[in-house]
PDB file of N, CA and C in Angstrom:
ATOM      1  N   MET A   1     -39.835-178.657  21.820  1.00  0.00           N
ATOM      2  CA  MET A   1     -38.541-178.910  21.353  1.00  0.00           C
ATOM      3  C   MET A   1     -38.345-180.308  20.954  1.00  0.00           C
ATOM      4  N   ARG A   2     -38.877-181.078  21.524  1.00  0.00           N
ATOM      5  CA  ARG A   2     -38.552-182.476  21.162  1.00  0.00           C
ATOM      6  C   ARG A   2     -39.178-182.925  19.771  1.00  0.00           C
ATOM      7  N   THR A   3     -40.363-182.234  19.415  1.00  0.00           N
ATOM      8  CA  THR A   3     -40.909-182.553  18.055  1.00  0.00           C
ATOM      9  C   THR A   3     -39.947-181.850  17.058  1.00  0.00           C
ATOM     10  N   ILE A   4     -39.425-180.748  17.359  1.00  0.00           N
ATOM     11  CA  ILE A   4     -38.451-180.042  16.375  1.00  0.00           C
ATOM     12  C   ILE A   4     -37.339-180.890  16.125  1.00  0.00           C
ATOM     13  N   LEU A   5     -36.844-181.510  17.010  1.00  0.00           N
ATOM     14  CA  LEU A   5     -35.549-182.304  16.807  1.00  0.00           C
ATOM     15  C   LEU A   5     -35.932-183.625  16.140  1.00  0.00           C
ATOM     16  N   LYS A   6     -37.069-184.044  16.202  1.00  0.00           N
ATOM     17  CA  LYS A   6     -37.653-185.245  15.516  1.00  0.00           C
ATOM     18  C   LYS A   6     -38.237-185.066  14.134  1.00  0.00           C
ATOM     19  N   SER A   7     -38.494-183.684  13.794  1.00  0.00           N
ATOM     20  CA  SER A   7     -38.999-183.611  12.536  1.00  0.00           C
ATOM     21  C   SER A   7     -37.990-183.742  11.381  1.00  0.00           C
ATOM     22  N   GLY A   8     -38.561-184.208  10.227  1.00  0.00           N
ATOM     23  CA  GLY A   8     -37.592-184.493   9.118  1.00  0.00           C
ATOM     24  C   GLY A   8     -37.036-183.185   8.527  1.00  0.00           C
ATOM     25  N   PHE A   9     -37.965-182.079   8.560  1.00  0.00           N
ATOM     26  CA  PHE A   9     -37.426-180.998   8.001  1.00  0.00           C
ATOM     27  C   PHE A   9     -36.076-180.372   8.671  1.00  0.00           C
ATOM     28  N   LEU A  10     -35.906-180.662   9.915  1.00  0.00           N
ATOM     29  CA  LEU A  10     -34.808-180.116  10.639  1.00  0.00           C
ATOM     30  C   LEU A  10     -33.499-180.863  10.097  1.00  0.00           C
ATOM     31  N   TRP A  11     -33.666-182.163  10.075  1.00  0.00           N
ATOM     32  CA  TRP A  11     -32.622-183.123   9.584  1.00  0.00           C
ATOM     33  C   TRP A  11     -32.297-182.881   8.082  1.00  0.00           C
ATOM     34  N   GLN A  12     -33.191-182.700   7.286  1.00  0.00           N
ATOM     35  CA  GLN A  12     -32.996-182.332   5.955  1.00  0.00           C
ATOM     36  C   GLN A  12     -32.186-180.899   5.645  1.00  0.00           C
ATOM     37  N   PHE A  13     -32.612-180.100   6.549  1.00  0.00           N
ATOM     38  CA  PHE A  13     -31.977-178.636   6.517  1.00  0.00           C
ATOM     39  C   PHE A  13     -30.483-178.818   7.065  1.00  0.00           C
ATOM     40  N   LEU A  14     -30.351-179.619   8.130  1.00  0.00           N
ATOM     41  CA  LEU A  14     -28.963-179.703   8.518  1.00  0.00           C
ATOM     42  C   LEU A  14     -28.049-180.591   7.404  1.00  0.00           C
ATOM     43  N   GLY A  15     -28.670-181.463   6.936  1.00  0.00           N
ATOM     44  CA  GLY A  15     -27.997-182.347   5.873  1.00  0.00           C
ATOM     45  C   GLY A  15     -27.595-181.560   4.736  1.00  0.00           C
ATOM     46  N   GLY A  16     -28.439-180.642   4.294  1.00  0.00           N
ATOM     47  CA  GLY A  16     -28.116-179.770   3.151  1.00  0.00           C
ATOM     48  C   GLY A  16     -27.060-178.722   3.485  1.00  0.00           C
ATOM     49  N   PHE A  17     -27.283-178.245   4.578  1.00  0.00           N
ATOM     50  CA  PHE A  17     -26.235-177.359   5.145  1.00  0.00           C
ATOM     51  C   PHE A  17     -24.891-177.940   5.256  1.00  0.00           C
ATOM     52  N   ALA A  18     -24.718-179.198   5.755  1.00  0.00           N
ATOM     53  CA  ALA A  18     -23.488-180.008   5.922  1.00  0.00           C
ATOM     54  C   ALA A  18     -22.882-180.159   4.471  1.00  0.00           C
ATOM     55  N   LEU A  19     -23.801-180.676   3.547  1.00  0.00           N
ATOM     56  CA  LEU A  19     -23.213-180.971   2.131  1.00  0.00           C
ATOM     57  C   LEU A  19     -22.921-179.699   1.577  1.00  0.00           C
ATOM     58  N   GLY A  20     -23.536-178.569   1.665  1.00  0.00           N
ATOM     59  CA  GLY A  20     -23.023-177.368   1.116  1.00  0.00           C
ATOM     60  C   GLY A  20     -21.797-176.932   1.679  1.00  0.00           C
ATOM     61  N   ALA A  21     -21.558-176.971   2.898  1.00  0.00           N
ATOM     62  CA  ALA A  21     -20.342-176.660   3.507  1.00  0.00           C
ATOM     63  C   ALA A  21     -19.177-177.442   3.042  1.00  0.00           C
ATOM     64  N   VAL A  22     -19.326-178.752   3.010  1.00  0.00           N
ATOM     65  CA  VAL A  22     -18.343-179.740   2.366  1.00  0.00           C
ATOM     66  C   VAL A  22     -17.926-179.370   1.108  1.00  0.00           C
ATOM     67  N   GLY A  23     -19.041-179.030   0.082  1.00  0.00           N
ATOM     68  CA  GLY A  23     -18.928-178.679  -1.270  1.00  0.00           C
ATOM     69  C   GLY A  23     -18.136-177.368  -1.270  1.00  0.00           C
ATOM     70  N   LEU A  24     -18.414-176.425  -0.667  1.00  0.00           N
ATOM     71  CA  LEU A  24     -17.629-175.133  -0.665  1.00  0.00           C
ATOM     72  C   LEU A  24     -16.112-175.312  -0.195  1.00  0.00           C
ATOM     73  N   ALA A  25     -16.040-176.023   0.781  1.00  0.00           N
ATOM     74  CA  ALA A  25     -14.623-176.397   1.376  1.00  0.00           C
ATOM     75  C   ALA A  25     -13.888-177.073   0.258  1.00  0.00           C
ATOM     76  N   GLY A  26     -14.413-178.062  -0.425  1.00  0.00           N
ATOM     77  CA  GLY A  26     -13.772-178.966  -1.488  1.00  0.00           C
ATOM     78  C   GLY A  26     -13.413-177.925  -2.643  1.00  0.00           C
ATOM     79  N   LEU A  27     -14.402-177.095  -2.948  1.00  0.00           N
ATOM     80  CA  LEU A  27     -14.151-176.306  -4.226  1.00  0.00           C
ATOM     81  C   LEU A  27     -13.082-175.171  -3.835  1.00  0.00           C
ATOM     82  N   HIS A  28     -12.864-174.599  -2.534  1.00  0.00           N
ATOM     83  CA  HIS A  28     -11.932-173.820  -2.072  1.00  0.00           C
ATOM     84  C   HIS A  28     -10.556-174.430  -2.060  1.00  0.00           C
ATOM     85  N   LEU A  29     -10.586-175.700  -1.550  1.00  0.00           N
ATOM     86  CA  LEU A  29      -9.196-176.376  -1.431  1.00  0.00           C
ATOM     87  C   LEU A  29      -8.725-176.843  -2.759  1.00  0.00           C
ATOM     88  N   ALA A  30      -9.600-177.161  -3.699  1.00  0.00           N
ATOM     89  CA  ALA A  30      -9.177-177.514  -5.132  1.00  0.00           C
ATOM     90  C   ALA A  30      -8.558-176.428  -5.886  1.00  0.00           C
ATOM     91  N   ASN A  31      -9.006-175.202  -5.668  1.00  0.00           N
ATOM     92  CA  ASN A  31      -8.562-174.066  -6.476  1.00  0.00           C
ATOM     93  C   ASN A  31      -8.256-172.775  -5.581  1.00  0.00           C
ATOM     94  N   PRO A  32      -7.448-172.735  -4.531  1.00  0.00           N
ATOM     95  CA  PRO A  32      -7.455-171.624  -3.693  1.00  0.00           C
ATOM     96  C   PRO A  32      -6.730-170.356  -4.351  1.00  0.00           C
ATOM     97  N   ALA A  33      -6.037-170.502  -5.417  1.00  0.00           N
ATOM     98  CA  ALA A  33      -5.479-169.408  -6.102  1.00  0.00           C
ATOM     99  C   ALA A  33      -6.395-168.456  -6.815  1.00  0.00           C
ATOM    100  N   SER A  34      -7.667-168.988  -6.896  1.00  0.00           N
ATOM    101  CA  SER A  34      -8.563-168.132  -7.705  1.00  0.00           C
ATOM    102  C   SER A  34      -9.187-166.928  -6.842  1.00  0.00           C
ATOM    103  N   ALA A  35      -8.847-167.050  -5.516  1.00  0.00           N
ATOM    104  CA  ALA A  35      -9.542-166.034  -4.700  1.00  0.00           C
ATOM    105  C   ALA A  35      -8.742-164.803  -4.799  1.00  0.00           C
ATOM    106  N   PRO A  36      -9.593-163.613  -4.991  1.00  0.00           N
ATOM    107  CA  PRO A  36      -8.934-162.338  -5.325  1.00  0.00           C
ATOM    108  C   PRO A  36      -8.143-161.865  -4.103  1.00  0.00           C
ATOM    109  N   THR A  37      -7.082-161.179  -4.247  1.00  0.00           N
ATOM    110  CA  THR A  37      -6.218-160.705  -3.371  1.00  0.00           C
ATOM    111  C   THR A  37      -5.952-159.222  -3.702  1.00  0.00           C
ATOM    112  N   GLU A  38      -5.414-158.457  -2.736  1.00  0.00           N
ATOM    113  CA  GLU A  38      -5.169-157.044  -2.842  1.00  0.00           C
ATOM    114  C   GLU A  38      -4.230-156.948  -4.067  1.00  0.00           C
ATOM    115  N   ALA A  39      -3.283-157.728  -4.304  1.00  0.00           N
ATOM    116  CA  ALA A  39      -2.246-157.437  -5.416  1.00  0.00           C
ATOM    117  C   ALA A  39      -2.888-157.848  -6.690  1.00  0.00           C
ATOM    118  N   ALA A  40      -3.838-158.642  -6.861  1.00  0.00           N
ATOM    119  CA  ALA A  40      -4.595-159.036  -8.057  1.00  0.00           C
ATOM    120  C   ALA A  40      -5.780-158.003  -8.270  1.00  0.00           C
ATOM    121  N   ALA A  41      -6.337-157.378  -7.336  1.00  0.00           N
ATOM    122  CA  ALA A  41      -7.379-156.632  -7.570  1.00  0.00           C
ATOM    123  C   ALA A  41      -6.975-155.229  -8.179  1.00  0.00           C
ATOM    124  N   PRO A  42      -7.794-154.564  -9.018  1.00  0.00           N
ATOM    125  CA  PRO A  42      -7.401-153.295  -9.672  1.00  0.00           C
ATOM    126  C   PRO A  42      -7.654-152.383  -8.494  1.00  0.00           C
ATOM    127  N   ALA A  43      -6.625-151.285  -8.649  1.00  0.00           N
ATOM    128  CA  ALA A  43      -6.642-150.174  -7.610  1.00  0.00           C
ATOM    129  C   ALA A  43      -7.822-149.325  -7.947  1.00  0.00           C
ATOM    130  N   ALA A  44      -8.581-148.918  -6.718  1.00  0.00           N
ATOM    131  CA  ALA A  44      -9.598-147.977  -6.836  1.00  0.00           C
ATOM    132  C   ALA A  44      -9.051-146.609  -6.563  1.00  0.00           C
ATOM    133  N   ARG A  45      -9.432-145.648  -7.449  1.00  0.00           N
ATOM    134  CA  ARG A  45      -8.976-144.331  -7.218  1.00  0.00           C
ATOM    135  C   ARG A  45      -9.965-143.315  -6.964  1.00  0.00           C
TER     136      ARG A  45
END
């Protein structure tokens, strides 16, 4: 367990995950109106 915590791969993976989460949150907050809603989606028959 200690070698896993000290490995560079784990920290690179967590860093990439954190950057991706921040990027997605930033894009979502910048343009929240682009998310599809029930009113905007075509009705399926």
